[in-house]
């Protein structure tokens, strides 16, 4: 029994910190700039409120202060992901068999951030599909890239990683190689031949839509669409995040 009581009291080791935060928030609610505080202050100055009104106000203020005290840490630790901007980087390559310099590559990446103070495990990015804009029909039409592909993270070239607190990492989308007929190569663990063939045949002026889903353990998925156009300048393909209201209809 004594040991149980001792253990119970040990769990209150942070109670002084909690009490200081609670009192601080309580004072802010009581005498801050909230509408309830201003109304009660005016009532107090214009006339003495009854005891039940004072007790009710103090109790409600304590409950609200407790909520703000809990919310500050809760929000900081709730798992969530943020999708940043897309970027284009150029990198040399090496032929692994001969050791000689290979063709230069331009990679398209998107930044994924962990804005919380908790570690996000098993972070993955999937290319759900690629759509092509039809000028004639004014809508997005389906393509051969119609199954999800596991994209690879920059530097580690793996489909899964952990994002530590306040950490950001680049998710690779595709690359373009400096060859006679450059085209988009999806940077994924595996890509079906029919998908490779479609991208190889695509015209550089085609406007494509990459639908991406980013997931992590115990974390809501984040979905984003990117507008992609290879264009005539291999070193500078156009890649940008599309606002939801600007995506347009599907055929």
Foldseek 3Di string as FASTA:
>chain_A
DVVVVVVVVVVCPCVVVLVVQLVVQLCCLCCNDDPVNVVVVVVVVVHNDDPVVVVVSSVVSSVVSNVVSVVVQVVQAQWEKDKAKKDKDKDWAADPVPRHTDWIKIWIKIKMWTAHQAKWFFKFKKFQAKWWADPVVRATEGDPRHHIFTWAWPPVLDGTDMAHHGGMTITTAWMWTPDPQTWTDGRGPDDDPRVVVRRSPDDQAIWMKTWMWIDTPSYDIDIWIWIWGCPPDNRDTDITTDDPVPRGHHD
